Structure formats: C-alpha cells, structure tokens
C-alpha cells in the first residue's frame, strides 16, 4: 500500500468535504443532467481542470453522475490532445 504525504491527505479531505457539500446542495442529483446517480454514485468534477489551473473550490467543482462525468472527461481529454498536436 502506497503512503501519501500530509499535503495529499489534506487535499483528499478537502475534496471529500466539498463533494459532500455539493451533494447536499444538489439534493443528491447530477448537477449537469439532474438525474439520480447510478450504483457508482456521484463524481466530483472540476469545471476548469486542475491541469489547466483550476482550483478545488465550490465555484469550480460540480458533482456529476457517471454518464455525465464520462462525457465531460472525454471532452477534457480531447481538448488536451488538440493542445499537444
């Protein structure tokens, strides 16, 4: 099992707390489609990715169902590929 640094542990706690706050705010629904989550639950997603300078803040994060999260992640990865080419 890999150990994590104190900084990483602090970031994980911050994300978990933010995710819980967003789930309460969204009444347990996806913030993109409004649907109820499947068995995987809701995923914390950054509107502006961390790789592009986004922060883990309520203004830059949302909770998404797995289907919406996969769509958003796919768009993010295709954007990164275009940037590299």
Protein backbone atom coordinates (compact mmCIF):
# COMPACT_ATOMS: atom_id res chain seq x y z
CA UNK A 1 0.00 0.00 0.00
CA UNK A 2 1.40 3.36 -1.03
CA UNK A 3 1.70 6.04 1.63
CA UNK A 4 0.56 9.55 0.88
CA UNK A 5 2.07 12.80 2.09
CA UNK A 6 0.38 15.08 4.61
CA UNK A 7 -0.29 17.56 1.78
CA UNK A 8 -2.02 14.86 -0.30
CA UNK A 9 -4.07 13.74 2.72
CA UNK A 10 -5.19 17.33 3.33
CA UNK A 11 -6.24 17.69 -0.34
CA UNK A 12 -8.22 14.42 -0.21
CA UNK A 13 -10.06 15.58 2.92
CA UNK A 14 -10.80 18.93 1.26
CA UNK A 15 -12.23 17.19 -1.82
CA UNK A 16 -14.35 14.79 0.26
CA UNK A 17 -15.81 17.68 2.28
CA UNK A 18 -16.52 19.71 -0.86
CA UNK A 19 -18.15 16.70 -2.55
CA UNK A 20 -20.46 16.22 0.44
CA UNK A 21 -21.40 19.93 0.41
CA UNK A 22 -22.16 19.82 -3.33
CA UNK A 23 -24.23 16.63 -2.95
CA UNK A 24 -26.31 18.34 -0.27
CA UNK A 25 -26.64 21.49 -2.39
CA UNK A 26 -27.72 19.47 -5.46
CA UNK A 27 -30.09 17.32 -3.37
CA UNK A 28 -28.22 14.20 -4.43
CA UNK A 29 -28.69 14.80 -8.16
CA UNK A 30 -26.26 15.27 -11.03
CA UNK A 31 -25.53 18.98 -11.49
CA UNK A 32 -25.44 18.56 -15.30
CA UNK A 33 -28.47 16.41 -16.20
CA UNK A 34 -30.39 16.49 -12.91
CA UNK A 35 -30.61 12.70 -12.84
CA UNK A 36 -30.16 10.44 -9.86
CA UNK A 37 -26.81 8.66 -9.63
CA UNK A 38 -26.34 5.02 -10.57
CA UNK A 39 -24.61 2.47 -8.34
CA UNK A 40 -21.30 4.33 -8.79
CA UNK A 41 -22.67 7.42 -7.08
CA UNK A 42 -21.77 10.99 -7.95
CA UNK A 43 -18.30 12.03 -9.10
CA UNK A 44 -16.56 15.27 -8.15
CA UNK A 45 -15.62 17.08 -11.36
CA UNK A 46 -13.64 20.28 -11.88
CA UNK A 47 -15.16 22.71 -14.39
CA UNK A 48 -11.68 24.02 -15.21
CA UNK A 49 -9.37 21.03 -14.76
CA UNK A 50 -6.53 21.07 -12.27
CA UNK A 51 -4.13 20.54 -15.20
CA UNK A 52 -5.31 23.82 -16.73
CA UNK A 53 -5.05 25.78 -13.49
CA UNK A 54 -8.45 25.08 -11.93
CA UNK A 55 -8.86 25.00 -8.17
CA UNK A 56 -10.80 22.70 -5.86
CA UNK A 57 -13.42 25.28 -4.89
CA UNK A 58 -17.23 25.27 -4.84
CA UNK A 59 -17.23 27.68 -7.79
CA UNK A 60 -15.07 25.37 -9.93
CA UNK A 61 -16.49 21.98 -8.94
CA UNK A 62 -19.67 20.04 -9.54
CA UNK A 63 -20.97 16.57 -8.76
CA UNK A 64 -21.92 14.54 -11.81
CA UNK A 65 -23.49 11.15 -12.47
CA UNK A 66 -21.15 8.64 -14.05
CA UNK A 67 -22.58 9.17 -17.55
CA UNK A 68 -22.11 12.95 -17.47
CA UNK A 69 -18.70 12.59 -15.84
CA UNK A 70 -17.51 10.31 -18.66
CA UNK A 71 -18.74 12.83 -21.26
CA UNK A 72 -17.01 15.74 -19.51
CA UNK A 73 -13.79 13.77 -19.06
CA UNK A 74 -13.84 12.79 -22.74
CA UNK A 75 -14.17 16.44 -23.76
CA UNK A 76 -11.31 17.37 -21.45
CA UNK A 77 -9.03 14.67 -22.87
CA UNK A 78 -9.83 15.60 -26.49
CA UNK A 79 -9.02 19.24 -25.66
CA UNK A 80 -5.65 18.19 -24.22
CA UNK A 81 -4.87 16.13 -27.35
CA UNK A 82 -5.64 19.12 -29.60
CA UNK A 83 -3.37 21.29 -27.47
CA UNK A 84 -0.46 18.83 -27.90
CA UNK A 85 -0.84 18.43 -31.69
